[in-house]
Structures are given as C-alpha cells and as structure tokens.
Amino acid sequence: SKLTKKLDRLRLLIRVGPGLGLMGTIIPMGSALAALSQGDVEKMSNSMIIAFSTTVVGLLIGIGAYFTSMLQNRWLNEDIKNIEYLTEGIMRKNEISKEKT
C-alpha cells in the first residue's frame, strides 16, 4: 500500500542519511590532512567545516526521518484500530439483526 511504501522510504532515510553523513565526513578529512601536512591551515579549516557540516546534515536527515516515521506509524496504527472498531460494530449490528429475524 501507499502508506507502507512511505514508511519504507523513511526507514531507508533513517539508515542511509547518517551513513552518507559519515562518508561526507571522511572524504574531506583526507583533504584536510593533506592541507595540514603542507601547512595550509586555511584549506584545512575549510575542509574540516565541510566534513563536520555533512555529518550534521546526515544526522539531521536520519533524525528527521525517524521522527516522521514514528508519527506516521502512530497514525497508521490509530487508523487500523478505528477500522477494527467500526468493523466490530457493524458485525454486532448484523448479529443483532439476524437474532431479531
């Protein structure tokens, strides 16, 4: 169903977001270390800013997707409970109608 697909996409973001953030941290760290070995502090600091920014973005994606999936999962469970409640009510009403006839 559409809701399950949405939840699956969110679960993917929960897992992939932090991983991409980590990759975005590790890759610029190589440039930062190379700049440090050459004594270029400005290039090193720029690479470090990129590295830590990607970490934060990856974590924000993962955290945002996690809370969104929790909220949508709660809504889905409430909808299921409401459907079950209405179905039970309809079944009881049908049973009462059958008993009267």
PDB file of N, CA and C in Angstrom:
ATOM      1  N   SER A   1       0.834  -1.190   0.000  1.00  0.00           N
ATOM      2  CA  SER A   1       0.000   0.000   0.000  1.00  0.00           C
ATOM      3  C   SER A   1       0.875   1.248   0.000  1.00  0.00           C
ATOM      4  N   LYS A   2       0.247   2.386  -0.226  1.00  0.00           N
ATOM      5  CA  LYS A   2       0.980   3.647  -0.282  1.00  0.00           C
ATOM      6  C   LYS A   2       1.635   3.973   1.056  1.00  0.00           C
ATOM      7  N   LEU A   3       0.913   3.712   2.141  1.00  0.00           N
ATOM      8  CA  LEU A   3       1.457   4.025   3.463  1.00  0.00           C
ATOM      9  C   LEU A   3       2.678   3.179   3.777  1.00  0.00           C
ATOM     10  N   THR A   4       2.646   1.926   3.409  1.00  0.00           N
ATOM     11  CA  THR A   4       3.788   1.048   3.650  1.00  0.00           C
ATOM     12  C   THR A   4       4.996   1.510   2.844  1.00  0.00           C
ATOM     13  N   LYS A   5       4.767   1.940   1.607  1.00  0.00           N
ATOM     14  CA  LYS A   5       5.868   2.436   0.778  1.00  0.00           C
ATOM     15  C   LYS A   5       6.475   3.695   1.381  1.00  0.00           C
ATOM     16  N   LYS A   6       5.620   4.583   1.905  1.00  0.00           N
ATOM     17  CA  LYS A   6       6.123   5.795   2.548  1.00  0.00           C
ATOM     18  C   LYS A   6       6.982   5.447   3.757  1.00  0.00           C
ATOM     19  N   LEU A   7       6.502   4.514   4.562  1.00  0.00           N
ATOM     20  CA  LEU A   7       7.268   4.108   5.740  1.00  0.00           C
ATOM     21  C   LEU A   7       8.580   3.446   5.336  1.00  0.00           C
ATOM     22  N   ASP A   8       8.568   2.674   4.262  1.00  0.00           N
ATOM     23  CA  ASP A   8       9.801   2.043   3.784  1.00  0.00           C
ATOM     24  C   ASP A   8      10.816   3.089   3.336  1.00  0.00           C
ATOM     25  N   ARG A   9      10.341   4.130   2.656  1.00  0.00           N
ATOM     26  CA  ARG A   9      11.248   5.212   2.233  1.00  0.00           C
ATOM     27  C   ARG A   9      11.846   5.920   3.443  1.00  0.00           C
ATOM     28  N   LEU A  10      11.017   6.160   4.440  1.00  0.00           N
ATOM     29  CA  LEU A  10      11.522   6.812   5.646  1.00  0.00           C
ATOM     30  C   LEU A  10      12.543   5.929   6.353  1.00  0.00           C
ATOM     31  N   ARG A  11      12.275   4.630   6.411  1.00  0.00           N
ATOM     32  CA  ARG A  11      13.231   3.706   7.043  1.00  0.00           C
ATOM     33  C   ARG A  11      14.560   3.711   6.291  1.00  0.00           C
ATOM     34  N   LEU A  12      14.489   3.842   4.971  1.00  0.00           N
ATOM     35  CA  LEU A  12      15.710   3.925   4.178  1.00  0.00           C
ATOM     36  C   LEU A  12      16.494   5.186   4.536  1.00  0.00           C
ATOM     37  N   LEU A  13      15.801   6.316   4.646  1.00  0.00           N
ATOM     38  CA  LEU A  13      16.470   7.563   5.030  1.00  0.00           C
ATOM     39  C   LEU A  13      17.071   7.476   6.427  1.00  0.00           C
ATOM     40  N   ILE A  14      16.374   6.789   7.330  1.00  0.00           N
ATOM     41  CA  ILE A  14      16.879   6.632   8.692  1.00  0.00           C
ATOM     42  C   ILE A  14      18.227   5.926   8.662  1.00  0.00           C
ATOM     43  N   ARG A  15      18.347   4.929   7.803  1.00  0.00           N
ATOM     44  CA  ARG A  15      19.588   4.146   7.743  1.00  0.00           C
ATOM     45  C   ARG A  15      20.663   4.805   6.881  1.00  0.00           C
ATOM     46  N   VAL A  16      20.264   5.374   5.750  1.00  0.00           N
ATOM     47  CA  VAL A  16      21.231   5.877   4.780  1.00  0.00           C
ATOM     48  C   VAL A  16      21.735   7.279   5.129  1.00  0.00           C
ATOM     49  N   GLY A  17      20.877   8.124   5.686  1.00  0.00           N
ATOM     50  CA  GLY A  17      21.260   9.505   5.990  1.00  0.00           C
ATOM     51  C   GLY A  17      22.535   9.617   6.814  1.00  0.00           C
ATOM     52  N   PRO A  18      22.600   8.967   7.981  1.00  0.00           N
ATOM     53  CA  PRO A  18      23.830   9.048   8.772  1.00  0.00           C
ATOM     54  C   PRO A  18      25.044   8.435   8.066  1.00  0.00           C
ATOM     55  N   GLY A  19      24.826   7.392   7.276  1.00  0.00           N
ATOM     56  CA  GLY A  19      25.940   6.787   6.537  1.00  0.00           C
ATOM     57  C   GLY A  19      26.518   7.740   5.507  1.00  0.00           C
ATOM     58  N   LEU A  20      25.630   8.447   4.801  1.00  0.00           N
ATOM     59  CA  LEU A  20      26.102   9.445   3.839  1.00  0.00           C
ATOM     60  C   LEU A  20      26.801  10.597   4.547  1.00  0.00           C
ATOM     61  N   GLY A  21      26.289  10.963   5.715  1.00  0.00           N
ATOM     62  CA  GLY A  21      26.951  11.999   6.503  1.00  0.00           C
ATOM     63  C   GLY A  21      28.353  11.580   6.913  1.00  0.00           C
ATOM     64  N   LEU A  22      28.499  10.319   7.286  1.00  0.00           N
ATOM     65  CA  LEU A  22      29.820   9.806   7.661  1.00  0.00           C
ATOM     66  C   LEU A  22      30.760   9.805   6.460  1.00  0.00           C
ATOM     67  N   MET A  23      30.249   9.386   5.302  1.00  0.00           N
ATOM     68  CA  MET A  23      31.083   9.427   4.094  1.00  0.00           C
ATOM     69  C   MET A  23      31.498  10.862   3.774  1.00  0.00           C
ATOM     70  N   GLY A  24      30.556  11.776   3.941  1.00  0.00           N
ATOM     71  CA  GLY A  24      30.852  13.181   3.700  1.00  0.00           C
ATOM     72  C   GLY A  24      31.823  13.754   4.710  1.00  0.00           C
ATOM     73  N   THR A  25      31.990  13.074   5.831  1.00  0.00           N
ATOM     74  CA  THR A  25      32.974  13.488   6.826  1.00  0.00           C
ATOM     75  C   THR A  25      34.347  12.938   6.471  1.00  0.00           C
ATOM     76  N   ILE A  26      34.389  11.676   6.130  1.00  0.00           N
ATOM     77  CA  ILE A  26      35.672  11.010   5.893  1.00  0.00           C
ATOM     78  C   ILE A  26      36.371  11.541   4.643  1.00  0.00           C
ATOM     79  N   ILE A  27      35.629  11.771   3.575  1.00  0.00           N
ATOM     80  CA  ILE A  27      36.247  12.202   2.316  1.00  0.00           C
ATOM     81  C   ILE A  27      36.958  13.554   2.465  1.00  0.00           C
ATOM     82  N   PRO A  28      36.325  14.602   3.010  1.00  0.00           N
ATOM     83  CA  PRO A  28      37.044  15.871   3.168  1.00  0.00           C
ATOM     84  C   PRO A  28      38.165  15.817   4.213  1.00  0.00           C
ATOM     85  N   MET A  29      38.115  14.826   5.101  1.00  0.00           N
ATOM     86  CA  MET A  29      39.196  14.713   6.088  1.00  0.00           C
ATOM     87  C   MET A  29      40.523  14.405   5.399  1.00  0.00           C
ATOM     88  N   GLY A  30      40.470  13.668   4.283  1.00  0.00           N
ATOM     89  CA  GLY A  30      41.696  13.409   3.518  1.00  0.00           C
ATOM     90  C   GLY A  30      42.306  14.700   3.009  1.00  0.00           C
ATOM     91  N   SER A  31      41.465  15.580   2.479  1.00  0.00           N
ATOM     92  CA  SER A  31      41.947  16.887   2.005  1.00  0.00           C
ATOM     93  C   SER A  31      42.468  17.725   3.160  1.00  0.00           C
ATOM     94  N   ALA A  32      41.779  17.635   4.287  1.00  0.00           N
ATOM     95  CA  ALA A  32      42.200  18.411   5.460  1.00  0.00           C
ATOM     96  C   ALA A  32      43.569  17.954   5.950  1.00  0.00           C
ATOM     97  N   LEU A  33      43.784  16.648   5.992  1.00  0.00           N
ATOM     98  CA  LEU A  33      45.081  16.131   6.444  1.00  0.00           C
ATOM     99  C   LEU A  33      46.189  16.471   5.455  1.00  0.00           C
ATOM    100  N   ALA A  34      45.875  16.430   4.157  1.00  0.00           N
ATOM    101  CA  ALA A  34      46.863  16.813   3.144  1.00  0.00           C
ATOM    102  C   ALA A  34      47.222  18.289   3.291  1.00  0.00           C
ATOM    103  N   ALA A  35      46.218  19.124   3.528  1.00  0.00           N
ATOM    104  CA  ALA A  35      46.471  20.556   3.718  1.00  0.00           C
ATOM    105  C   ALA A  35      47.286  20.796   4.980  1.00  0.00           C
ATOM    106  N   LEU A  36      47.014  20.035   6.022  1.00  0.00           N
ATOM    107  CA  LEU A  36      47.771  20.170   7.269  1.00  0.00           C
ATOM    108  C   LEU A  36      49.234  19.808   7.049  1.00  0.00           C
ATOM    109  N   SER A  37      49.486  18.761   6.273  1.00  0.00           N
ATOM    110  CA  SER A  37      50.875  18.353   6.023  1.00  0.00           C
ATOM    111  C   SER A  37      51.629  19.393   5.203  1.00  0.00           C
ATOM    112  N   GLN A  38      50.896  20.193   4.420  1.00  0.00           N
ATOM    113  CA  GLN A  38      51.518  21.253   3.628  1.00  0.00           C
ATOM    114  C   GLN A  38      51.546  22.578   4.379  1.00  0.00           C
ATOM    115  N   GLY A  39      50.966  22.594   5.564  1.00  0.00           N
ATOM    116  CA  GLY A  39      50.951  23.816   6.369  1.00  0.00           C
ATOM    117  C   GLY A  39      49.885  24.815   5.942  1.00  0.00           C
ATOM    118  N   ASP A  40      48.946  24.401   5.127  1.00  0.00           N
ATOM    119  CA  ASP A  40      47.875  25.287   4.654  1.00  0.00           C
ATOM    120  C   ASP A  40      46.686  25.178   5.614  1.00  0.00           C
ATOM    121  N   VAL A  41      46.712  26.006   6.647  1.00  0.00           N
ATOM    122  CA  VAL A  41      45.699  25.944   7.699  1.00  0.00           C
ATOM    123  C   VAL A  41      44.326  26.379   7.179  1.00  0.00           C
ATOM    124  N   GLU A  42      44.309  27.350   6.276  1.00  0.00           N
ATOM    125  CA  GLU A  42      43.026  27.829   5.750  1.00  0.00           C
ATOM    126  C   GLU A  42      42.306  26.727   4.963  1.00  0.00           C
ATOM    127  N   LYS A  43      43.039  26.035   4.092  1.00  0.00           N
ATOM    128  CA  LYS A  43      42.441  24.938   3.323  1.00  0.00           C
ATOM    129  C   LYS A  43      42.001  23.819   4.258  1.00  0.00           C
ATOM    130  N   MET A  44      42.813  23.566   5.289  1.00  0.00           N
ATOM    131  CA  MET A  44      42.460  22.529   6.252  1.00  0.00           C
ATOM    132  C   MET A  44      41.163  22.883   6.971  1.00  0.00           C
ATOM    133  N   SER A  45      41.052  24.134   7.415  1.00  0.00           N
ATOM    134  CA  SER A  45      39.842  24.527   8.147  1.00  0.00           C
ATOM    135  C   SER A  45      38.609  24.477   7.247  1.00  0.00           C
ATOM    136  N   ASN A  46      38.757  24.860   5.982  1.00  0.00           N
ATOM    137  CA  ASN A  46      37.621  24.772   5.053  1.00  0.00           C
ATOM    138  C   ASN A  46      37.184  23.323   4.853  1.00  0.00           C
ATOM    139  N   SER A  47      38.154  22.422   4.734  1.00  0.00           N
ATOM    140  CA  SER A  47      37.823  21.004   4.581  1.00  0.00           C
ATOM    141  C   SER A  47      37.152  20.461   5.836  1.00  0.00           C
ATOM    142  N   MET A  48      37.603  20.908   6.993  1.00  0.00           N
ATOM    143  CA  MET A  48      37.009  20.453   8.254  1.00  0.00           C
ATOM    144  C   MET A  48      35.570  20.960   8.391  1.00  0.00           C
ATOM    145  N   ILE A  49      35.333  22.188   7.953  1.00  0.00           N
ATOM    146  CA  ILE A  49      33.970  22.738   8.000  1.00  0.00           C
ATOM    147  C   ILE A  49      33.041  21.890   7.137  1.00  0.00           C
ATOM    148  N   ILE A  50      33.500  21.546   5.943  1.00  0.00           N
ATOM    149  CA  ILE A  50      32.693  20.691   5.058  1.00  0.00           C
ATOM    150  C   ILE A  50      32.462  19.336   5.711  1.00  0.00           C
ATOM    151  N   ALA A  51      33.525  18.777   6.284  1.00  0.00           N
ATOM    152  CA  ALA A  51      33.425  17.447   6.898  1.00  0.00           C
ATOM    153  C   ALA A  51      32.387  17.430   8.015  1.00  0.00           C
ATOM    154  N   PHE A  52      32.464  18.379   8.911  1.00  0.00           N
ATOM    155  CA  PHE A  52      31.540  18.369  10.041  1.00  0.00           C
ATOM    156  C   PHE A  52      30.128  18.795   9.634  1.00  0.00           C
ATOM    157  N   SER A  53      30.020  19.641   8.624  1.00  0.00           N
ATOM    158  CA  SER A  53      28.690  20.044   8.147  1.00  0.00           C
ATOM    159  C   SER A  53      27.944  18.858   7.550  1.00  0.00           C
ATOM    160  N   THR A  54      28.654  18.025   6.792  1.00  0.00           N
ATOM    161  CA  THR A  54      27.986  16.863   6.206  1.00  0.00           C
ATOM    162  C   THR A  54      27.565  15.869   7.280  1.00  0.00           C
ATOM    163  N   THR A  55      28.337  15.792   8.352  1.00  0.00           N
ATOM    164  CA  THR A  55      27.941  14.920   9.463  1.00  0.00           C
ATOM    165  C   THR A  55      26.624  15.396  10.053  1.00  0.00           C
ATOM    166  N   VAL A  56      26.543  16.687  10.297  1.00  0.00           N
ATOM    167  CA  VAL A  56      25.331  17.257  10.885  1.00  0.00           C
ATOM    168  C   VAL A  56      24.138  17.059   9.949  1.00  0.00           C
ATOM    169  N   VAL A  57      24.329  17.302   8.660  1.00  0.00           N
ATOM    170  CA  VAL A  57      23.232  17.137   7.701  1.00  0.00           C
ATOM    171  C   VAL A  57      22.768  15.681   7.663  1.00  0.00           C
ATOM    172  N   GLY A  58      23.707  14.745   7.635  1.00  0.00           N
ATOM    173  CA  GLY A  58      23.347  13.327   7.629  1.00  0.00           C
ATOM    174  C   GLY A  58      22.574  12.929   8.866  1.00  0.00           C
ATOM    175  N   LEU A  59      23.019  13.420  10.019  1.00  0.00           N
ATOM    176  CA  LEU A  59      22.305  13.113  11.261  1.00  0.00           C
ATOM    177  C   LEU A  59      20.919  13.748  11.279  1.00  0.00           C
ATOM    178  N   LEU A  60      20.811  14.975  10.796  1.00  0.00           N
ATOM    179  CA  LEU A  60      19.501  15.636  10.749  1.00  0.00           C
ATOM    180  C   LEU A  60      18.535  14.888   9.832  1.00  0.00           C
ATOM    181  N   ILE A  61      19.038  14.392   8.714  1.00  0.00           N
ATOM    182  CA  ILE A  61      18.184  13.602   7.812  1.00  0.00           C
ATOM    183  C   ILE A  61      17.698  12.352   8.525  1.00  0.00           C
ATOM    184  N   GLY A  62      18.619  11.646   9.181  1.00  0.00           N
ATOM    185  CA  GLY A  62      18.245  10.424   9.894  1.00  0.00           C
ATOM    186  C   GLY A  62      17.270  10.680  11.023  1.00  0.00           C
ATOM    187  N   ILE A  63      17.533  11.710  11.816  1.00  0.00           N
ATOM    188  CA  ILE A  63      16.664  12.030  12.957  1.00  0.00           C
ATOM    189  C   ILE A  63      15.293  12.501  12.474  1.00  0.00           C
ATOM    190  N   GLY A  64      15.288  13.373  11.469  1.00  0.00           N
ATOM    191  CA  GLY A  64      14.011  13.854  10.926  1.00  0.00           C
ATOM    192  C   GLY A  64      13.170  12.725  10.358  1.00  0.00           C
ATOM    193  N   ALA A  65      13.815  11.826   9.626  1.00  0.00           N
ATOM    194  CA  ALA A  65      13.095  10.682   9.057  1.00  0.00           C
ATOM    195  C   ALA A  65      12.592   9.759  10.160  1.00  0.00           C
ATOM    196  N   TYR A  66      13.384   9.603  11.221  1.00  0.00           N
ATOM    197  CA  TYR A  66      12.971   8.736  12.336  1.00  0.00           C
ATOM    198  C   TYR A  66      11.702   9.273  12.994  1.00  0.00           C
ATOM    199  N   PHE A  67      11.703  10.563  13.333  1.00  0.00           N
ATOM    200  CA  PHE A  67      10.528  11.131  13.992  1.00  0.00           C
ATOM    201  C   PHE A  67       9.315  11.148  13.062  1.00  0.00           C
ATOM    202  N   THR A  68       9.537  11.409  11.783  1.00  0.00           N
ATOM    203  CA  THR A  68       8.433  11.382  10.828  1.00  0.00           C
ATOM    204  C   THR A  68       7.855   9.978  10.711  1.00  0.00           C
ATOM    205  N   SER A  69       8.730   8.959  10.674  1.00  0.00           N
ATOM    206  CA  SER A  69       8.230   7.582  10.575  1.00  0.00           C
ATOM    207  C   SER A  69       7.489   7.169  11.838  1.00  0.00           C
ATOM    208  N   MET A  70       7.961   7.624  12.987  1.00  0.00           N
ATOM    209  CA  MET A  70       7.260   7.317  14.238  1.00  0.00           C
ATOM    210  C   MET A  70       5.854   7.913  14.217  1.00  0.00           C
ATOM    211  N   LEU A  71       5.747   9.152  13.769  1.00  0.00           N
ATOM    212  CA  LEU A  71       4.456   9.830  13.707  1.00  0.00           C
ATOM    213  C   LEU A  71       3.525   9.141  12.706  1.00  0.00           C
ATOM    214  N   GLN A  72       4.028   8.824  11.525  1.00  0.00           N
ATOM    215  CA  GLN A  72       3.190   8.164  10.524  1.00  0.00           C
ATOM    216  C   GLN A  72       2.806   6.757  10.963  1.00  0.00           C
ATOM    217  N   ASN A  73       3.709   6.074  11.642  1.00  0.00           N
ATOM    218  CA  ASN A  73       3.401   4.742  12.156  1.00  0.00           C
ATOM    219  C   ASN A  73       2.289   4.818  13.203  1.00  0.00           C
ATOM    220  N   ARG A  74       2.341   5.833  14.058  1.00  0.00           N
ATOM    221  CA  ARG A  74       1.296   6.027  15.070  1.00  0.00           C
ATOM    222  C   ARG A  74      -0.047   6.292  14.400  1.00  0.00           C
ATOM    223  N   TRP A  75      -0.050   7.152  13.374  1.00  0.00           N
ATOM    224  CA  TRP A  75      -1.293   7.441  12.650  1.00  0.00           C
ATOM    225  C   TRP A  75      -1.839   6.181  11.988  1.00  0.00           C
ATOM    226  N   LEU A  76      -0.956   5.393  11.403  1.00  0.00           N
ATOM    227  CA  LEU A  76      -1.377   4.156  10.748  1.00  0.00           C
ATOM    228  C   LEU A  76      -2.003   3.198  11.756  1.00  0.00           C
ATOM    229  N   ASN A  77      -1.383   3.052  12.919  1.00  0.00           N
ATOM    230  CA  ASN A  77      -1.931   2.170  13.958  1.00  0.00           C
ATOM    231  C   ASN A  77      -3.280   2.669  14.468  1.00  0.00           C
ATOM    232  N   GLU A  78      -3.433   3.990  14.604  1.00  0.00           N
ATOM    233  CA  GLU A  78      -4.722   4.547  15.031  1.00  0.00           C
ATOM    234  C   GLU A  78      -5.797   4.275  13.980  1.00  0.00           C
ATOM    235  N   ASP A  79      -5.440   4.429  12.713  1.00  0.00           N
ATOM    236  CA  ASP A  79      -6.398   4.139  11.639  1.00  0.00           C
ATOM    237  C   ASP A  79      -6.819   2.675  11.666  1.00  0.00           C
ATOM    238  N   ILE A  80      -5.864   1.786  11.875  1.00  0.00           N
ATOM    239  CA  ILE A  80      -6.179   0.352  11.935  1.00  0.00           C
ATOM    240  C   ILE A  80      -7.111   0.064  13.105  1.00  0.00           C
ATOM    241  N   LYS A  81      -6.838   0.661  14.270  1.00  0.00           N
ATOM    242  CA  LYS A  81      -7.711   0.458  15.435  1.00  0.00           C
ATOM    243  C   LYS A  81      -9.119   0.975  15.160  1.00  0.00           C
ATOM    244  N   ASN A  82      -9.219   2.135  14.516  1.00  0.00           N
ATOM    245  CA  ASN A  82     -10.538   2.690  14.190  1.00  0.00           C
ATOM    246  C   ASN A  82     -11.294   1.797  13.212  1.00  0.00           C
ATOM    247  N   ILE A  83     -10.598   1.271  12.228  1.00  0.00           N
ATOM    248  CA  ILE A  83     -11.237   0.366  11.265  1.00  0.00           C
ATOM    249  C   ILE A  83     -11.716  -0.896  11.967  1.00  0.00           C
ATOM    250  N   GLU A  84     -10.884  -1.450  12.862  1.00  0.00           N
ATOM    251  CA  GLU A  84     -11.282  -2.648  13.611  1.00  0.00           C
ATOM    252  C   GLU A  84     -12.505  -2.369  14.477  1.00  0.00           C
ATOM    253  N   TYR A  85     -12.526  -1.207  15.127  1.00  0.00           N
ATOM    254  CA  TYR A  85     -13.654  -0.831  15.978  1.00  0.00           C
ATOM    255  C   TYR A  85     -14.937  -0.727  15.158  1.00  0.00           C
ATOM    256  N   LEU A  86     -14.860  -0.047  14.022  1.00  0.00           N
ATOM    257  CA  LEU A  86     -16.042   0.102  13.165  1.00  0.00           C
ATOM    258  C   LEU A  86     -16.500  -1.244  12.611  1.00  0.00           C
ATOM    259  N   THR A  87     -15.554  -2.086  12.236  1.00  0.00           N
ATOM    260  CA  THR A  87     -15.899  -3.411  11.710  1.00  0.00           C
ATOM    261  C   THR A  87     -16.609  -4.244  12.768  1.00  0.00           C
ATOM    262  N   GLU A  88     -16.107  -4.219  14.000  1.00  0.00           N
ATOM    263  CA  GLU A  88     -16.754  -4.957  15.091  1.00  0.00           C
ATOM    264  C   GLU A  88     -18.162  -4.436  15.338  1.00  0.00           C
ATOM    265  N   GLY A  89     -18.339  -3.115  15.275  1.00  0.00           N
ATOM    266  CA  GLY A  89     -19.667  -2.533  15.458  1.00  0.00           C
ATOM    267  C   GLY A  89     -20.636  -2.976  14.381  1.00  0.00           C
ATOM    268  N   ILE A  90     -20.181  -3.004  13.148  1.00  0.00           N
ATOM    269  CA  ILE A  90     -21.033  -3.445  12.040  1.00  0.00           C
ATOM    270  C   ILE A  90     -21.391  -4.917  12.205  1.00  0.00           C
ATOM    271  N   MET A  91     -20.410  -5.724  12.599  1.00  0.00           N
ATOM    272  CA  MET A  91     -20.674  -7.160  12.778  1.00  0.00           C
ATOM    273  C   MET A  91     -21.682  -7.396  13.903  1.00  0.00           C
ATOM    274  N   ARG A  92     -21.546  -6.657  15.004  1.00  0.00           N
ATOM    275  CA  ARG A  92     -22.508  -6.789  16.111  1.00  0.00           C
ATOM    276  C   ARG A  92     -23.907  -6.403  15.657  1.00  0.00           C
ATOM    277  N   LYS A  93     -23.991  -5.317  14.899  1.00  0.00           N
ATOM    278  CA  LYS A  93     -25.286  -4.851  14.409  1.00  0.00           C
ATOM    279  C   LYS A  93     -25.923  -5.903  13.506  1.00  0.00           C
ATOM    280  N   ASN A  94     -25.132  -6.532  12.671  1.00  0.00           N
ATOM    281  CA  ASN A  94     -25.648  -7.597  11.797  1.00  0.00           C
ATOM    282  C   ASN A  94     -26.100  -8.803  12.606  1.00  0.00           C
ATOM    283  N   GLU A  95     -25.363  -9.152  13.658  1.00  0.00           N
ATOM    284  CA  GLU A  95     -25.742 -10.283  14.508  1.00  0.00           C
ATOM    285  C   GLU A  95     -27.056 -10.006  15.224  1.00  0.00           C
ATOM    286  N   ILE A  96     -27.229  -8.778  15.711  1.00  0.00           N
ATOM    287  CA  ILE A  96     -28.475  -8.405  16.390  1.00  0.00           C
ATOM    288  C   ILE A  96     -29.636  -8.461  15.404  1.00  0.00           C
ATOM    289  N   SER A  97     -29.408  -7.984  14.175  1.00  0.00           N
ATOM    290  CA  SER A  97     -30.460  -8.022  13.146  1.00  0.00           C
ATOM    291  C   SER A  97     -30.854  -9.456  12.827  1.00  0.00           C
ATOM    292  N   LYS A  98     -29.890 -10.354  12.761  1.00  0.00           N
ATOM    293  CA  LYS A  98     -30.178 -11.761  12.473  1.00  0.00           C
ATOM    294  C   LYS A  98     -30.951 -12.409  13.608  1.00  0.00           C
ATOM    295  N   GLU A  99     -30.631 -12.043  14.856  1.00  0.00           N
ATOM    296  CA  GLU A  99     -31.319 -12.615  16.014  1.00  0.00           C
ATOM    297  C   GLU A  99     -32.781 -12.187  16.050  1.00  0.00           C
ATOM    298  N   LYS A 100     -33.089 -10.989  15.598  1.00  0.00           N
ATOM    299  CA  LYS A 100     -34.456 -10.479  15.615  1.00  0.00           C
ATOM    300  C   LYS A 100     -35.320 -11.147  14.551  1.00  0.00           C
ATOM    301  N   THR A 101     -34.684 -11.618  13.501  1.00  0.00           N
ATOM    302  CA  THR A 101     -35.492 -12.220  12.420  1.00  0.00           C
ATOM    303  C   THR A 101     -35.696 -13.694  12.580  1.00  0.00           C
TER     304      THR A 101
END
